[in-house]
C-alpha atoms as a PDB file:
ATOM      1  CA  UNK A   1       0.402   0.181   0.110  1.00  0.00           C
ATOM      2  CA  UNK A   2       2.939   2.336   1.308  1.00  0.00           C
ATOM      3  CA  UNK A   3       5.694   1.453  -1.169  1.00  0.00           C
ATOM      4  CA  UNK A   4       8.341   4.283  -0.245  1.00  0.00           C
ATOM      5  CA  UNK A   5       7.378   3.349   3.713  1.00  0.00           C
ATOM      6  CA  UNK A   6      10.809   1.922   4.056  1.00  0.00           C
ATOM      7  CA  UNK A   7      12.627   5.008   2.709  1.00  0.00           C
ATOM      8  CA  UNK A   8      10.887   7.127   5.280  1.00  0.00           C
ATOM      9  CA  UNK A   9      11.484   5.819   8.200  1.00  0.00           C
ATOM     10  CA  UNK A  10      13.235   8.161  10.727  1.00  0.00           C
ATOM     11  CA  UNK A  11      12.907  11.524   9.171  1.00  0.00           C
ATOM     12  CA  UNK A  12       9.596  12.963  11.806  1.00  0.00           C
ATOM     13  CA  UNK A  13      12.232  12.050  14.233  1.00  0.00           C
ATOM     14  CA  UNK A  14      14.556  14.570  12.600  1.00  0.00           C
ATOM     15  CA  UNK A  15      12.496  17.040  12.438  1.00  0.00           C
ATOM     16  CA  UNK A  16      10.958  16.907  16.160  1.00  0.00           C
ATOM     17  CA  UNK A  17      14.827  16.969  17.268  1.00  0.00           C
ATOM     18  CA  UNK A  18      15.550  20.116  15.195  1.00  0.00           C
ATOM     19  CA  UNK A  19      12.002  22.523  16.222  1.00  0.00           C
ATOM     20  CA  UNK A  20      13.114  21.057  20.274  1.00  0.00           C
ATOM     21  CA  UNK A  21      16.335  22.310  18.895  1.00  0.00           C
ATOM     22  CA  UNK A  22      15.393  25.693  17.774  1.00  0.00           C
ATOM     23  CA  UNK A  23      12.298  26.284  20.487  1.00  0.00           C
ATOM     24  CA  UNK A  24      15.123  25.597  23.290  1.00  0.00           C
ATOM     25  CA  UNK A  25      17.841  28.502  21.159  1.00  0.00           C
ATOM     26  CA  UNK A  26      14.758  30.678  21.677  1.00  0.00           C
ATOM     27  CA  UNK A  27      14.021  30.100  25.157  1.00  0.00           C
ATOM     28  CA  UNK A  28      17.166  30.345  26.354  1.00  0.00           C
ATOM     29  CA  UNK A  29      17.557  33.846  24.628  1.00  0.00           C
ATOM     30  CA  UNK A  30      14.519  35.283  26.119  1.00  0.00           C
ATOM     31  CA  UNK A  31      15.358  34.263  29.630  1.00  0.00           C
ATOM     32  CA  UNK A  32      18.961  36.535  28.783  1.00  0.00           C
ATOM     33  CA  UNK A  33      17.212  38.502  27.811  1.00  0.00           C
ATOM     34  CA  UNK A  34      14.746  39.088  30.223  1.00  0.00           C
ATOM     35  CA  UNK A  35      17.364  38.532  33.468  1.00  0.00           C
ATOM     36  CA  UNK A  36      19.485  41.805  31.428  1.00  0.00           C
ATOM     37  CA  UNK A  37      16.571  43.848  31.826  1.00  0.00           C
ATOM     38  CA  UNK A  38      15.511  43.481  35.033  1.00  0.00           C
ATOM     39  CA  UNK A  39      19.327  44.267  36.078  1.00  0.00           C
ATOM     40  CA  UNK A  40      19.153  47.451  34.175  1.00  0.00           C
ATOM     41  CA  UNK A  41      15.920  48.183  36.278  1.00  0.00           C
ATOM     42  CA  UNK A  42      17.600  47.814  39.812  1.00  0.00           C
ATOM     43  CA  UNK A  43      20.388  49.709  38.414  1.00  0.00           C
ATOM     44  CA  UNK A  44      17.928  52.194  37.526  1.00  0.00           C
ATOM     45  CA  UNK A  45      15.714  52.222  40.653  1.00  0.00           C
ATOM     46  CA  UNK A  46      19.233  51.713  42.468  1.00  0.00           C
ATOM     47  CA  UNK A  47      20.801  54.684  40.991  1.00  0.00           C
ATOM     48  CA  UNK A  48      17.781  56.971  41.323  1.00  0.00           C
ATOM     49  CA  UNK A  49      18.290  55.773  45.168  1.00  0.00           C
ATOM     50  CA  UNK A  50      21.897  57.215  45.235  1.00  0.00           C
ATOM     51  CA  UNK A  51      20.485  60.351  43.569  1.00  0.00           C
ATOM     52  CA  UNK A  52      17.844  61.131  46.585  1.00  0.00           C
ATOM     53  CA  UNK A  53      20.934  60.413  48.906  1.00  0.00           C
ATOM     54  CA  UNK A  54      23.544  62.693  47.269  1.00  0.00           C
ATOM     55  CA  UNK A  55      20.140  65.621  46.750  1.00  0.00           C
ATOM     56  CA  UNK A  56      19.360  64.565  50.622  1.00  0.00           C
ATOM     57  CA  UNK A  57      22.812  64.988  51.843  1.00  0.00           C
ATOM     58  CA  UNK A  58      23.486  68.502  50.335  1.00  0.00           C
ATOM     59  CA  UNK A  59      20.104  70.042  51.561  1.00  0.00           C
ATOM     60  CA  UNK A  60      21.517  68.841  55.108  1.00  0.00           C
ATOM     61  CA  UNK A  61      24.537  70.709  54.633  1.00  0.00           C
ATOM     62  CA  UNK A  62      22.979  73.733  53.602  1.00  0.00           C
ATOM     63  CA  UNK A  63      20.696  73.899  56.539  1.00  0.00           C
ATOM     64  CA  UNK A  64      24.639  73.112  58.379  1.00  0.00           C
ATOM     65  CA  UNK A  65      25.995  75.712  56.572  1.00  0.00           C
ATOM     66  CA  UNK A  66      23.355  78.242  56.965  1.00  0.00           C
ATOM     67  CA  UNK A  67      21.805  77.644  60.679  1.00  0.00           C
ATOM     68  CA  UNK A  68      18.880  79.831  61.000  1.00  0.00           C
ATOM     69  CA  UNK A  69      19.982  81.094  64.633  1.00  0.00           C
ATOM     70  CA  UNK A  70      23.204  82.797  63.322  1.00  0.00           C
ATOM     71  CA  UNK A  71      24.534  84.853  60.683  1.00  0.00           C
ATOM     72  CA  UNK A  72      28.035  83.334  60.163  1.00  0.00           C
ATOM     73  CA  UNK A  73      28.730  80.310  57.596  1.00  0.00           C
ATOM     74  CA  UNK A  74      31.419  77.545  58.078  1.00  0.00           C
ATOM     75  CA  UNK A  75      32.485  74.278  56.175  1.00  0.00           C
ATOM     76  CA  UNK A  76      33.238  73.540  59.336  1.00  0.00           C
ATOM     77  CA  UNK A  77      29.765  72.986  61.051  1.00  0.00           C
ATOM     78  CA  UNK A  78      29.251  70.804  58.056  1.00  0.00           C
ATOM     79  CA  UNK A  79      29.403  66.973  59.092  1.00  0.00           C
ATOM     80  CA  UNK A  80      30.917  64.763  56.413  1.00  0.00           C
ATOM     81  CA  UNK A  81      28.826  61.567  56.203  1.00  0.00           C
ATOM     82  CA  UNK A  82      25.252  60.787  57.133  1.00  0.00           C
ATOM     83  CA  UNK A  83      23.626  57.641  57.135  1.00  0.00           C
ATOM     84  CA  UNK A  84      19.972  57.578  56.372  1.00  0.00           C
ATOM     85  CA  UNK A  85      17.750  55.016  58.183  1.00  0.00           C
ATOM     86  CA  UNK A  86      14.481  56.200  56.525  1.00  0.00           C
ATOM     87  CA  UNK A  87      12.355  53.434  54.392  1.00  0.00           C
ATOM     88  CA  UNK A  88      13.137  54.769  50.973  1.00  0.00           C
ATOM     89  CA  UNK A  89      16.722  55.573  51.721  1.00  0.00           C
ATOM     90  CA  UNK A  90      17.482  52.690  53.776  1.00  0.00           C
ATOM     91  CA  UNK A  91      21.153  51.339  52.848  1.00  0.00           C
ATOM     92  CA  UNK A  92      22.466  54.393  51.686  1.00  0.00           C
ATOM     93  CA  UNK A  93      24.537  56.935  52.680  1.00  0.00           C
ATOM     94  CA  UNK A  94      26.219  60.273  52.128  1.00  0.00           C
ATOM     95  CA  UNK A  95      29.881  61.895  51.977  1.00  0.00           C
ATOM     96  CA  UNK A  96      29.872  65.560  52.132  1.00  0.00           C
ATOM     97  CA  UNK A  97      32.127  68.302  51.354  1.00  0.00           C
ATOM     98  CA  UNK A  98      32.781  71.693  51.786  1.00  0.00           C
ATOM     99  CA  UNK A  99      35.127  74.425  50.162  1.00  0.00           C
ATOM    100  CA  UNK A 100      35.080  77.884  50.780  1.00  0.00           C
ATOM    101  CA  UNK A 101      36.991  80.801  48.820  1.00  0.00           C
ATOM    102  CA  UNK A 102      36.821  84.608  47.905  1.00  0.00           C
ATOM    103  CA  UNK A 103      34.649  85.222  44.881  1.00  0.00           C
ATOM    104  CA  UNK A 104      35.907  88.397  43.470  1.00  0.00           C
ATOM    105  CA  UNK A 105      33.061  88.739  41.130  1.00  0.00           C
ATOM    106  CA  UNK A 106      30.836  89.304  43.537  1.00  0.00           C
ATOM    107  CA  UNK A 107      32.731  91.598  46.099  1.00  0.00           C
ATOM    108  CA  UNK A 108      35.052  89.437  48.133  1.00  0.00           C
ATOM    109  CA  UNK A 109      32.352  87.446  49.387  1.00  0.00           C
ATOM    110  CA  UNK A 110      32.719  83.644  50.517  1.00  0.00           C
ATOM    111  CA  UNK A 111      31.655  81.203  48.316  1.00  0.00           C
ATOM    112  CA  UNK A 112      30.621  77.446  48.781  1.00  0.00           C
ATOM    113  CA  UNK A 113      31.028  75.101  46.687  1.00  0.00           C
ATOM    114  CA  UNK A 114      29.272  71.924  48.577  1.00  0.00           C
ATOM    115  CA  UNK A 115      29.797  68.400  46.922  1.00  0.00           C
ATOM    116  CA  UNK A 116      27.827  65.474  48.022  1.00  0.00           C
ATOM    117  CA  UNK A 117      27.994  61.989  46.892  1.00  0.00           C
ATOM    118  CA  UNK A 118      25.308  59.319  47.531  1.00  0.00           C
ATOM    119  CA  UNK A 119      25.860  55.571  47.594  1.00  0.00           C
ATOM    120  CA  UNK A 120      23.482  53.022  47.937  1.00  0.00           C
ATOM    121  CA  UNK A 121      24.073  49.288  48.852  1.00  0.00           C
ATOM    122  CA  UNK A 122      21.715  46.532  48.130  1.00  0.00           C
ATOM    123  CA  UNK A 123      22.935  42.741  47.601  1.00  0.00           C
ATOM    124  CA  UNK A 124      25.240  42.782  45.028  1.00  0.00           C
ATOM    125  CA  UNK A 125      24.303  46.119  43.595  1.00  0.00           C
ATOM    126  CA  UNK A 126      26.429  49.266  44.549  1.00  0.00           C
ATOM    127  CA  UNK A 127      25.459  52.768  42.893  1.00  0.00           C
ATOM    128  CA  UNK A 128      26.698  56.155  43.249  1.00  0.00           C
ATOM    129  CA  UNK A 129      25.984  59.602  42.248  1.00  0.00           C
ATOM    130  CA  UNK A 130      27.905  63.354  42.595  1.00  0.00           C
ATOM    131  CA  UNK A 131      25.830  66.713  43.127  1.00  0.00           C
ATOM    132  CA  UNK A 132      27.692  69.771  43.467  1.00  0.00           C
ATOM    133  CA  UNK A 133      26.883  73.373  44.249  1.00  0.00           C
ATOM    134  CA  UNK A 134      28.036  76.304  44.798  1.00  0.00           C
ATOM    135  CA  UNK A 135      26.327  79.283  47.647  1.00  0.00           C
ATOM    136  CA  UNK A 136      26.827  81.919  48.744  1.00  0.00           C
END
């Protein structure tokens, strides 16, 4: 009834193995893409947390540099490290630095350069951001 049946034996097996291999390669490529995408999201979130920690450090430094009860500003009043304990910035800290120098263009008034480096750690992911401002 089927004269070529003997010559076709095993061809469906070869096609099935080929399809399985192609599908496996496709699944592995998608899994790798998903892993890479999730890592980039983690770095983006951690980077934003580091930026917010640096900005918060600058705000703390401004309050210490220009207190409301005194008119004298001094870089010596600024603490150099601050560790955050709130829920949003837990695991983050800010390193602060202050440099004072005379500004010739503003009649010799003192200009302060504040720099804050925020760094956050979560598991194996470490990020840091640095923000600087100059105030008078």
